[in-house]
Protein backbone atom coordinates (compact mmCIF):
# COMPACT_ATOMS: atom_id res chain seq x y z
CA MET A 1 -5.54 11.46 12.15
CA THR A 2 -5.71 8.68 14.34
CA PHE A 3 -6.36 5.38 13.47
CA SER A 4 -8.41 2.75 15.72
CA VAL A 5 -8.84 -1.14 14.64
CA SER A 6 -12.44 -2.16 15.22
CA MET A 7 -12.84 -5.68 16.94
CA LYS A 8 -14.25 -7.32 13.75
CA TYR A 9 -10.53 -7.34 12.45
CA GLY A 10 -9.60 -9.75 15.31
CA ARG A 11 -7.16 -12.29 14.69
CA SER A 12 -7.34 -11.50 10.82
CA ARG A 13 -5.04 -12.51 8.08
CA LEU A 14 -2.63 -9.61 9.43
CA ALA A 15 -2.22 -11.98 12.59
CA VAL A 16 1.65 -12.18 11.35
CA LEU A 17 2.11 -8.86 10.79
CA ALA A 18 0.94 -7.94 14.44
CA SER A 19 3.60 -10.36 15.61
CA GLY A 20 6.08 -8.51 14.08
CA ARG A 21 6.99 -11.40 11.53
CA LEU A 22 7.97 -8.88 8.57
CA LYS A 23 11.00 -10.62 6.81
CA GLY A 24 14.07 -8.19 6.61
CA MET A 25 12.60 -5.45 9.24
CA PRO A 26 14.19 -6.05 12.27
CA ALA A 27 12.32 -3.22 13.84
CA LEU A 28 8.89 -5.36 13.76
CA GLU A 29 10.04 -8.06 16.38
CA LYS A 30 7.34 -7.27 18.85
CA ILE A 31 3.38 -6.37 18.46
CA GLU A 32 4.35 -3.02 20.73
CA THR A 33 6.62 -1.96 18.06
CA SER A 34 5.13 1.46 16.86
CA TRP A 35 6.07 0.62 12.94
CA THR A 36 3.89 -2.55 13.71
CA ASN A 37 1.15 -0.94 15.31
CA ARG A 38 1.13 1.83 12.28
CA PHE A 39 0.79 -0.32 9.81
CA LYS A 40 -1.41 -2.84 11.17
CA ASN A 41 -3.82 -0.24 11.87
CA TYR A 42 -3.47 1.38 8.39
CA VAL A 43 -3.97 -1.88 6.57
CA ALA A 44 -6.82 -2.61 8.45
CA PHE A 45 -8.50 0.91 8.50
CA HIS A 46 -7.78 0.86 4.61
CA GLY A 47 -9.16 -2.33 3.84
CA LEU A 48 -5.95 -4.00 2.38
CA ASP A 49 -6.26 -7.28 4.38
CA ASN A 50 -7.57 -9.05 1.59
CA ALA A 51 -4.80 -7.78 -0.62
CA ILE A 52 -2.17 -8.50 2.45
CA SER A 53 -3.48 -11.83 2.48
CA LYS A 54 -2.24 -12.86 -1.16
CA ILE A 55 1.28 -11.68 -0.41
CA SER A 56 3.55 -14.98 -0.59
CA ARG A 57 5.28 -15.97 2.61
CA ASP A 58 8.01 -18.26 3.29
CA SER A 59 8.32 -21.60 5.04
CA ARG A 60 8.36 -19.93 8.33
CA GLY A 61 5.26 -18.05 7.57
CA MET A 62 7.00 -14.87 7.10
CA ILE A 63 5.73 -11.88 4.24
CA ASN A 64 7.98 -11.12 1.85
CA LYS A 65 8.82 -7.58 2.25
CA ASN A 66 9.34 -6.82 -1.42
CA ASN A 67 5.77 -8.54 -2.32
CA LEU A 68 4.28 -5.96 0.41
CA ILE A 69 5.65 -3.00 -0.89
CA ARG A 70 4.62 -4.18 -4.74
CA VAL A 71 0.93 -4.06 -2.97
CA LEU A 72 0.99 -0.91 -1.72
CA ALA A 73 2.60 0.45 -5.07
CA ASP A 74 -0.26 -0.99 -6.80
CA GLU A 75 -2.39 0.80 -4.78
CA LEU A 76 -0.82 4.02 -5.52
CA ASN A 77 -0.61 3.85 -9.12
CA GLN A 78 -4.14 2.81 -9.37
CA SER A 79 -5.17 5.81 -7.17
CA LEU A 80 -3.47 8.56 -9.54
CA SER A 81 -3.95 6.69 -12.53
CA LEU A 82 -4.78 9.26 -15.54
CA ILE A 83 -4.77 12.08 -13.25
CA SER A 84 -2.61 14.43 -15.20
CA PHE A 85 -5.37 14.30 -17.92
CA GLU A 86 -7.72 15.53 -15.30
CA THR A 87 -5.53 18.54 -13.57
CA GLU A 88 -4.39 20.07 -17.06
CA LYS A 89 -7.53 22.44 -16.99
CA MET A 90 -7.80 22.80 -13.14
CA PRO A 91 -6.92 26.09 -11.44
CA PRO A 92 -3.86 24.97 -9.19
CA HIS A 93 -5.99 24.72 -5.96
CA LYS A 94 -8.46 22.41 -7.31
CA ALA A 95 -5.47 20.35 -8.99
CA ARG A 96 -3.80 20.09 -5.77
CA GLU A 97 -7.10 18.91 -3.68
CA LEU A 98 -7.58 16.03 -6.38
CA VAL A 99 -4.33 14.78 -6.17
CA SER A 100 -4.30 14.94 -2.18
CA SER A 101 -7.76 13.34 -2.26
CA ARG A 102 -6.49 10.21 -4.90
CA ALA A 103 -3.46 9.78 -2.79
CA LYS A 104 -5.15 10.23 0.74
CA ASP A 105 -4.24 6.62 2.13
CA PHE A 106 -0.72 6.57 1.21
CA ILE A 107 -0.35 10.34 2.23
CA GLU A 108 -1.91 9.23 5.56
CA LEU A 109 0.54 5.79 5.75
CA ALA A 110 3.41 8.33 5.07
CA ASN A 111 2.64 10.80 7.47
CA LEU A 112 2.77 8.26 10.48
CA SER A 113 6.25 8.60 10.16
CA GLN A 114 8.02 9.77 13.52
CA LYS A 115 11.16 11.77 14.31
CA GLY A 116 14.36 9.40 13.74
CA ASP A 117 12.36 6.75 12.00
CA GLN A 118 14.34 6.16 9.09
CA GLU A 119 13.55 2.74 8.48
CA PHE A 120 9.96 3.83 7.63
CA VAL A 121 11.04 6.78 5.82
CA ARG A 122 12.96 4.40 3.39
CA PHE A 123 9.99 2.11 3.58
CA VAL A 124 7.64 4.88 2.01
CA ILE A 125 10.23 6.09 -0.36
CA ASP A 126 10.53 2.61 -1.62
CA VAL A 127 6.73 2.12 -2.11
CA LEU A 128 7.06 5.20 -4.05
CA LEU A 129 10.01 4.29 -6.21
CA ARG A 130 8.49 1.18 -6.72
CA ALA A 131 4.88 2.52 -7.96
CA ASP A 132 7.27 4.51 -10.49
CA ALA A 133 9.53 1.62 -11.56
CA ILE A 134 6.05 -0.62 -12.16
CA HIS A 135 4.37 2.30 -14.04
CA PHE A 136 7.76 3.68 -16.55
CA PRO A 137 10.93 1.59 -15.82
CA ASP A 138 13.07 3.67 -17.88
CA ASN A 139 12.68 6.25 -15.39
CA SER A 140 14.63 4.44 -12.48
CA VAL A 141 17.71 4.71 -14.53
CA HIS A 142 17.33 8.70 -14.84
CA CYS A 143 16.44 9.06 -11.19
CA GLY A 144 19.26 7.09 -10.08
CA VAL A 145 22.07 9.32 -12.37
CA VAL A 146 20.31 12.21 -11.22
CA THR A 147 20.48 11.52 -7.73
CA PHE A 148 24.18 10.30 -7.92
CA TYR A 149 25.23 13.52 -9.31
CA VAL A 150 23.40 15.71 -6.90
CA ALA A 151 25.03 13.74 -4.10
CA ALA A 152 28.28 14.22 -5.30
CA ILE A 153 28.17 17.89 -6.37
CA ALA A 154 26.88 18.62 -3.18
CA LYS A 155 29.68 16.70 -1.67
CA GLU A 156 32.02 18.29 -4.09
CA MET A 157 30.59 21.91 -2.86
CA GLY A 158 30.94 21.14 0.51
CA PHE A 159 27.55 20.67 1.85
CA GLU A 160 26.58 19.26 5.17
CA GLU A 161 25.08 15.98 5.35
CA ARG A 162 21.57 17.11 6.12
CA PHE A 163 21.43 19.21 2.81
CA ILE A 164 23.06 16.18 0.84
CA THR A 165 20.38 13.73 2.06
CA TRP A 166 17.51 16.26 0.89
CA GLY A 167 19.50 16.61 -2.38
CA LYS A 168 19.29 12.85 -2.62
CA THR A 169 15.58 12.38 -1.92
CA SER A 170 14.85 15.01 -4.37
CA GLY A 171 16.94 13.28 -6.96
CA VAL A 172 15.06 10.04 -6.85
CA LEU A 173 11.38 11.56 -6.24
CA HIS A 174 11.68 14.64 -8.61
CA ASP A 175 9.66 12.68 -11.54
CA ILE A 176 7.70 10.81 -9.33
CA GLY A 177 4.54 12.42 -10.85
CA LYS A 178 4.86 10.56 -13.72
CA ILE A 179 2.76 7.58 -12.26
CA GLY A 180 0.02 9.99 -13.18
CA VAL A 181 0.51 10.17 -16.82
CA PRO A 182 -0.25 7.03 -19.37
CA THR A 183 2.76 4.94 -19.58
CA GLU A 184 1.92 4.93 -23.38
CA LEU A 185 2.16 8.52 -23.44
CA LEU A 186 5.50 8.97 -21.67
CA GLN A 187 6.84 6.24 -24.42
CA LYS A 188 5.53 7.88 -27.42
CA THR A 189 8.16 9.56 -29.65
CA VAL A 190 5.87 11.92 -31.73
CA ILE A 191 3.46 13.87 -29.83
CA GLY A 192 1.18 16.80 -30.25
CA GLU A 193 0.92 19.99 -28.26
CA ASN A 194 -2.08 18.85 -26.01
CA GLU A 195 -0.02 15.71 -25.14
CA LYS A 196 2.97 17.60 -24.27
CA VAL A 197 0.71 19.84 -21.91
CA SER A 198 -0.46 16.47 -20.10
CA ILE A 199 3.25 15.06 -19.93
CA ASP A 200 4.14 18.37 -18.27
CA GLN A 201 1.68 18.00 -15.69
CA HIS A 202 4.02 15.19 -14.02
CA LEU A 203 6.12 18.11 -12.14
CA LEU A 204 2.90 19.43 -10.74
CA ILE A 205 1.78 15.94 -9.40
CA SER A 206 5.06 15.53 -8.14
CA ILE A 207 4.53 18.50 -6.17
CA TYR A 208 1.25 18.13 -4.93
CA LEU A 209 1.66 14.58 -3.80
CA LEU A 210 5.01 15.29 -2.08
CA GLN A 211 4.02 18.43 -0.37
CA GLU A 212 1.45 16.76 1.56
CA ILE A 213 4.27 14.49 3.43
CA ARG A 214 5.30 16.31 5.98
CA TRP A 215 8.63 15.27 6.51
CA LEU A 216 9.31 15.85 2.63
CA ARG A 217 8.64 19.67 2.91
CA ASN A 218 12.41 20.82 2.07
CA VAL A 219 12.40 18.35 -0.51
CA VAL A 220 9.49 19.56 -2.18
CA LYS A 221 11.18 23.08 -2.03
CA ILE A 222 14.20 21.62 -4.02
CA ILE A 223 11.89 19.74 -7.14
CA SER A 224 9.38 22.71 -7.28
CA HIS A 225 12.15 25.16 -8.11
CA HIS A 226 14.29 22.30 -10.51
CA HIS A 227 12.31 23.05 -13.76
CA PRO A 228 10.78 26.25 -15.41
CA HIS A 229 7.01 26.40 -15.12
CA PRO A 230 4.57 29.05 -15.30
CA LEU A 231 2.98 28.35 -12.30
CA PHE A 232 6.59 29.28 -10.40
CA ASN A 233 5.31 32.59 -9.21
CA GLY A 234 3.66 31.77 -5.92
CA ASP A 235 0.59 29.89 -6.54
CA LEU A 236 2.11 26.60 -5.69
CA ASN A 237 2.34 27.92 -1.76
CA ILE A 238 5.73 26.20 -1.32
CA GLY A 239 7.42 29.17 0.50
CA LYS A 240 10.29 30.80 -0.19
CA LEU A 241 14.15 29.26 -0.84
CA GLY A 242 16.96 29.47 1.42
CA GLY A 243 20.35 29.85 0.43
CA LYS A 244 21.47 26.11 0.26
CA ILE A 245 18.06 24.96 -0.32
CA TYR A 246 18.25 26.95 -3.46
CA THR A 247 21.45 25.87 -4.50
CA LEU A 248 20.30 22.36 -4.16
CA ALA A 249 17.29 22.99 -6.58
CA GLN A 250 19.96 24.54 -9.08
CA ILE A 251 22.05 21.37 -8.89
CA LEU A 252 18.95 19.20 -9.63
CA ARG A 253 18.02 21.75 -12.16
CA VAL A 254 21.66 21.28 -14.06
CA VAL A 255 21.81 17.24 -13.63
CA ASP A 256 18.40 16.72 -15.02
CA VAL A 257 19.12 18.77 -17.97
CA TYR A 258 22.63 17.27 -18.30
CA ASP A 259 21.08 13.50 -18.15
CA GLY A 260 18.56 14.29 -20.62
CA LEU A 261 21.48 15.86 -23.09
CA THR A 262 23.81 13.19 -23.15
CA SER A 263 21.51 10.36 -22.84
CA LYS A 264 19.83 8.26 -25.84
CA ARG A 265 16.06 8.55 -25.07
CA LYS A 266 13.30 7.09 -27.57
CA TYR A 267 11.62 10.29 -28.14
CA LYS A 268 14.95 11.78 -29.83
CA THR A 269 14.26 11.43 -33.00
CA GLU A 270 14.02 13.49 -36.26
CA GLY A 271 10.90 15.13 -37.11
CA PRO A 272 8.42 18.53 -36.56
CA HIS A 273 6.69 16.84 -33.75
CA THR A 274 8.73 15.06 -31.61
CA ARG A 275 8.96 15.36 -27.93
CA LEU A 276 11.71 17.81 -28.15
CA PHE A 277 10.36 20.71 -29.91
CA ASP A 278 13.81 22.15 -29.97
CA GLN A 279 15.51 20.32 -33.04
CA ARG A 280 19.26 21.18 -31.63
CA LEU A 281 18.34 18.66 -28.88
CA VAL A 282 17.47 15.49 -30.92
CA LYS A 283 21.25 14.57 -31.02
CA VAL A 284 23.07 13.07 -28.07
CA PHE A 285 25.44 15.30 -26.53
CA THR A 286 28.89 14.58 -25.77
CA HIS A 287 30.13 15.53 -22.42
CA SER A 288 31.78 18.26 -23.47
CA GLU A 289 29.17 19.90 -25.72
CA ALA A 290 26.39 19.30 -22.77
CA ILE A 291 28.77 21.23 -20.55
CA GLU A 292 29.19 24.07 -23.17
CA GLU A 293 25.07 24.08 -23.58
CA LEU A 294 24.82 24.56 -19.92
CA ARG A 295 27.38 27.21 -19.72
CA ASN A 296 25.54 28.94 -22.24
CA GLY A 297 22.13 28.75 -20.74
CA PRO A 298 19.98 29.89 -17.72
CA TYR A 299 22.24 27.69 -15.46
CA ASP A 300 24.46 28.45 -12.24
CA HIS A 301 28.02 28.49 -13.44
CA ASP A 302 29.52 27.31 -9.87
CA VAL A 303 27.23 24.14 -10.14
CA VAL A 304 28.10 23.42 -13.72
CA ASP A 305 31.58 23.84 -12.94
CA ALA A 306 31.36 21.78 -9.86
CA LEU A 307 29.36 18.73 -12.27
CA GLU A 308 32.26 18.88 -14.40
CA ARG A 309 34.77 18.27 -11.72
CA VAL A 310 32.56 15.18 -10.68
CA VAL A 311 32.44 13.73 -13.92
CA GLU A 312 36.35 14.20 -14.11
CA LYS A 313 36.61 12.36 -10.92
CA GLY A 314 33.75 9.64 -11.75
CA GLU A 315 35.81 6.49 -10.58
CA GLU A 316 36.66 8.18 -7.32
CA TYR A 317 33.26 8.92 -6.64
CA ILE A 318 31.97 5.45 -7.75
CA PHE A 319 34.46 3.32 -5.65
CA ASN A 320 33.97 5.66 -2.47
CA ILE A 321 30.07 5.46 -3.12
CA LYS A 322 29.76 4.43 0.72
CA ASP A 323 30.78 8.19 1.29
CA LEU A 324 27.55 9.31 -0.67
CA PHE A 325 25.05 6.70 0.09
CA GLU A 326 24.13 4.61 2.96
CA ARG A 327 23.93 0.79 2.69
CA SER A 328 19.79 1.12 2.37
CA GLU A 329 20.22 3.94 -0.18
CA ILE A 330 22.30 1.77 -2.87
CA LYS A 331 19.21 0.09 -4.38
CA PHE A 332 17.71 3.60 -5.01
CA VAL A 333 20.62 4.73 -7.10
CA TRP A 334 22.04 1.31 -8.71
CA PRO A 335 20.23 1.66 -12.20
CA GLY A 336 21.92 4.98 -12.77
CA ILE A 337 25.12 3.98 -11.39
CA GLU A 338 25.10 0.91 -13.61
CA HIS A 339 23.94 3.12 -16.59
CA LEU A 340 26.91 5.67 -15.66
CA ILE A 341 29.33 3.05 -15.88
CA GLY A 342 27.94 1.54 -19.45
CA LYS A 343 27.86 4.38 -21.17
CA ASN A 344 31.14 5.34 -20.93
CA ILE A 345 31.14 8.69 -18.78
CA LEU A 346 33.03 7.14 -16.23
CA PRO A 347 35.66 4.31 -16.44
CA PHE A 348 35.48 2.74 -19.94
CA LYS A 349 36.46 4.98 -22.87
CA GLY A 350 35.16 3.52 -25.81
CA THR A 351 33.34 0.14 -26.77
CA GLY A 352 35.90 -1.41 -28.24
CA LYS A 353 35.45 -4.22 -31.29
CA SER A 354 31.95 -4.91 -32.20
CA HIS A 355 32.40 -8.27 -33.24
CA ARG A 356 32.48 -9.67 -29.89
CA GLU A 357 29.76 -11.95 -28.44
CA GLU A 358 30.23 -11.59 -24.89
CA PHE A 359 26.70 -10.10 -24.66
CA TRP A 360 26.15 -11.19 -21.39
CA LEU A 361 29.50 -10.33 -19.92
CA ILE A 362 29.16 -6.90 -21.59
CA ASN A 363 25.77 -6.26 -19.77
CA ARG A 364 27.38 -7.14 -16.75
CA ALA A 365 30.64 -5.10 -16.81
CA PRO A 366 29.47 -1.96 -14.73
CA PHE A 367 28.58 -4.56 -11.80
CA LEU A 368 31.90 -6.87 -12.19
CA TRP A 369 33.90 -3.47 -12.48
CA LEU A 370 32.64 -2.11 -9.09
CA ILE A 371 32.92 -5.39 -7.16
CA SER A 372 36.43 -5.57 -8.41
CA GLY A 373 37.92 -3.22 -6.94
CA GLN A 374 40.25 -2.45 -10.23
CA LYS A 375 40.66 1.47 -9.89
CA LYS A 376 42.86 1.34 -12.83
CA GLY A 377 41.21 2.31 -16.05
CA PHE A 378 40.39 0.06 -19.04
CA ASP A 379 40.72 0.99 -22.88
CA ASP A 380 37.28 -0.16 -23.08
CA VAL A 381 34.51 -2.43 -22.07
CA LEU A 382 36.10 -5.58 -23.56
CA ALA A 383 39.53 -4.85 -22.30
CA PHE A 384 37.85 -5.21 -18.62
CA ILE A 385 35.95 -8.35 -19.84
CA ASP A 386 39.30 -9.79 -21.02
CA TYR A 387 40.92 -8.80 -17.62
CA VAL A 388 37.98 -10.78 -15.92
CA LYS A 389 38.46 -13.98 -18.19
CA GLN A 390 42.38 -13.78 -17.80
CA THR A 391 41.79 -13.39 -14.07
CA ILE A 392 39.75 -16.75 -13.91
CA VAL A 393 42.05 -18.31 -16.00
CA LEU A 394 45.22 -17.67 -14.20
CA THR A 395 43.43 -18.75 -11.00
CA ALA A 396 42.60 -21.86 -12.34
CA TYR A 397 46.16 -22.39 -12.98
CA GLU A 398 47.67 -21.57 -10.09
CA LYS A 399 45.18 -23.98 -8.12
CA ASN A 400 46.02 -26.73 -10.91
CA LEU A 401 42.97 -26.99 -12.09
CA LEU A 402 43.14 -25.53 -15.74
CA THR A 403 42.43 -28.77 -17.60
CA GLU A 404 39.11 -29.35 -15.88
CA PHE A 405 38.39 -25.73 -16.36
CA ASN A 406 38.85 -26.13 -19.86
CA GLU A 407 36.71 -28.82 -20.12
CA MET A 408 33.98 -27.62 -18.21
CA THR A 409 33.79 -24.24 -20.00
CA GLY A 410 34.05 -25.90 -23.47
CA ALA A 411 31.24 -28.49 -22.56
CA VAL A 412 29.43 -25.90 -21.51
CA ARG A 413 29.89 -23.60 -24.16
CA LYS A 414 28.77 -26.11 -26.60
CA GLN A 415 25.49 -26.43 -25.11
CA TRP A 416 24.63 -22.88 -24.51
CA MET A 417 26.75 -19.92 -25.02
CA GLU A 418 25.32 -17.39 -22.62
CA LEU A 419 25.41 -19.83 -19.97
CA ALA A 420 29.27 -20.22 -20.39
CA ASP A 421 29.43 -16.27 -19.62
CA VAL A 422 27.24 -16.77 -16.55
CA LEU A 423 29.83 -18.98 -15.01
CA TYR A 424 32.53 -16.65 -15.95
CA GLU A 425 30.33 -14.10 -13.57
CA GLY A 426 30.12 -16.85 -11.15
CA LEU A 427 33.49 -17.51 -10.83
CA PHE A 428 34.26 -14.21 -10.80
CA ARG A 429 31.99 -13.34 -7.78
CA ALA A 430 33.44 -16.56 -6.12
CA LEU A 431 36.90 -15.24 -6.03
CA ASN A 432 35.52 -11.82 -4.35
CA ILE A 433 33.66 -14.30 -1.70
CA ASP A 434 37.11 -16.25 -1.32
CA SER A 435 39.27 -13.31 -1.07
CA ARG A 436 36.98 -11.97 1.97
CA THR A 437 36.23 -15.11 3.89
CA GLY A 438 39.56 -17.39 3.45
CA LEU A 439 37.25 -20.24 1.54
CA ASP A 440 37.48 -21.93 -1.52
CA THR A 441 34.14 -21.50 -3.55
CA PHE A 442 36.29 -20.94 -6.79
CA SER A 443 37.73 -24.59 -6.58
CA SER A 444 34.58 -26.28 -5.32
CA LEU A 445 32.33 -24.67 -8.23
CA ILE A 446 35.16 -25.84 -11.20
CA LYS A 447 35.14 -29.22 -9.48
CA LEU A 448 31.21 -29.82 -9.03
CA LEU A 449 30.54 -28.62 -12.82
CA HIS A 450 33.43 -30.56 -14.20
CA PHE A 451 31.74 -33.52 -12.97
CA TYR A 452 28.48 -32.91 -14.92
CA ARG A 453 30.04 -31.33 -18.10
CA GLU A 454 28.97 -34.45 -20.05
CA ASP A 455 25.41 -33.84 -19.52
CA ILE A 456 24.35 -30.25 -19.11
CA SER A 457 21.47 -31.24 -17.43
CA ALA A 458 18.72 -29.35 -15.11
CA LEU A 459 20.82 -29.23 -12.28
CA THR A 460 24.07 -28.09 -14.26
CA VAL A 461 21.69 -25.13 -15.53
CA LYS A 462 20.17 -24.50 -12.36
CA ILE A 463 23.70 -24.17 -10.58
CA VAL A 464 25.27 -21.99 -13.03
CA ASP A 465 21.87 -19.74 -13.34
CA SER A 466 22.37 -19.34 -9.82
CA LEU A 467 25.55 -17.81 -9.60
CA ALA A 468 23.99 -14.78 -12.20
CA LEU A 469 22.88 -12.70 -8.92
CA THR A 470 20.51 -9.88 -10.56
CA PRO A 471 18.36 -7.14 -9.29
CA GLU A 472 15.81 -8.73 -11.70
CA LYS A 473 15.91 -12.04 -10.25
CA ASP A 474 16.20 -11.43 -6.87
CA GLU A 475 16.39 -8.12 -5.73
CA SER A 476 16.87 -8.36 -1.99
CA ALA A 477 19.68 -10.73 -2.36
CA PHE A 478 21.48 -8.72 -4.93
CA PHE A 479 21.49 -5.70 -3.12
CA GLU A 480 22.52 -7.18 0.11
CA TRP A 481 25.34 -8.87 -1.43
CA LEU A 482 26.51 -5.83 -3.30
CA ALA A 483 26.22 -3.77 -0.34
CA LEU A 484 28.03 -5.96 1.50
CA ARG A 485 30.93 -6.02 -1.20
CA LEU A 486 30.78 -2.21 -1.21
CA TYR A 487 30.71 -1.25 2.50
CA GLY A 488 33.38 -4.05 3.23
CA GLU A 489 31.21 -6.20 5.74
CA ASN A 490 31.78 -9.71 6.41
CA THR A 491 29.86 -11.72 3.32
CA VAL A 492 29.50 -15.02 5.56
CA SER A 493 26.38 -13.59 7.08
CA VAL A 494 24.47 -13.28 3.64
CA ASP A 495 22.42 -16.28 3.32
CA VAL A 496 22.97 -18.72 0.39
CA TYR A 497 24.96 -16.00 -1.78
CA GLY A 498 27.48 -15.06 0.87
CA GLY A 499 30.42 -16.73 2.20
CA HIS A 500 29.79 -19.81 4.54
CA ALA A 501 26.30 -20.61 3.54
CA PHE A 502 27.13 -20.82 -0.39
CA ASN A 503 30.55 -22.97 0.51
CA ASP A 504 28.13 -25.18 2.65
CA LEU A 505 25.64 -25.47 -0.29
CA LEU A 506 28.53 -26.55 -2.78
CA LEU A 507 30.15 -29.24 -0.41
CA LYS A 508 26.49 -30.62 -0.14
CA LEU A 509 26.36 -31.00 -3.80
CA LEU A 510 30.17 -32.14 -4.17
CA TRP A 511 29.43 -34.79 -1.38
CA ASP A 512 25.87 -35.65 -3.19
CA ALA A 513 28.08 -36.17 -6.58
CA GLY A 514 30.88 -38.65 -4.65
CA LEU A 515 33.74 -35.90 -5.21
CA LEU A 516 34.11 -35.71 -1.46
CA LYS A 517 35.96 -38.31 0.78
CA GLU A 518 34.99 -39.07 4.14
């Protein structure tokens, strides 16, 4: 379909888009940019200019990319809301037509992609994943785990890069059809037969939605053959699978089941009417139990063997994650990687003593471990946290700041225990910045917060809280900082959260506090 913008839109609220001023997307520098024109025309044609006008802008009038994705994700969610109930009794061709019709606007946007336009492709995938995360947040972890394992197994089995890319995309999108299933139903632990039918529609919804996007054809073949379904007799009209595409489907099938077996799920409850009608599967399997279950089931044994090797090499694959994922892809799999590190299948063996209270640091351990670069194993999560704290104390001692550090942390802990743990994380990140830039943000932080230690003021809380870089608080900054750390680029280019910019901020605060001499 060819879009045209009528004159009535003129210099509308989309003028800033037409000028290419979309924060974080270099391709939108000029109005002539093909991406800009395609998106501008799409928004105008589908009457989304009112929604776009409500998106927050920064001080320079630039649209925030994440908020833009949120608008399009909300639209997609609304389009497919409750569609699982409508399609469950329809013949396949009618169900496909309904899904295609409801998601027509989004499908047309996705098909505006041109050959080699990876930036636009990532944007479309981002919208899909945001829609999924808004509708059913728990799915982000599962899809991240599956995608990591699919990529690692494909690499382990010697697949070429283009096949690994198709595998990764199938991993992040294999459950996208759940946006058409009510959230309340997905969260229920006890369901009836009819409700199970509605939940099972998510696979067909995924296929009907994605097969309309022309650059996802091979991905749809992988997704459609990874899960047993009665319609997999040719009615879906997705074509036959080639050798490596077939193997990728088997990889996706194995890791999807493996993660389900080894993970805690809300629906794993005892009783005759749980989501799992096979009562053997109610428990959480250990790694060895899950492998045995897969070997005894209808699964490709070569893939199961490769999965076992990947799990055994867990630390190696995690630390070399840039060999599996590009910088722009890291945010798609981060929830899964964080989960894998934390649930002990990778580096941490056991959870340690249960009486420890560093809940913040325990939750942040996967992130801190990954940026630490410490490939050696630790007995458990708490042993790693001890390492983090000892590193900070030793550095403070070496810089003749141990007294200030102890007084500062003691004062903070009296006011707010969690704030002290956030401070440890911030100082650990500061050490990472310093090692890469030659700065001394570590000392600056200690001096600044020591100055304010007697009165835990709003400023103190603000400074410490700003050190807690989390994807929930500031997704763009978090993934930019994490990607720069993992991919070995200089952190000085990262606004505020990186090297020089962050150091300059600290110097200003130190100057304002009278702690710097002219």
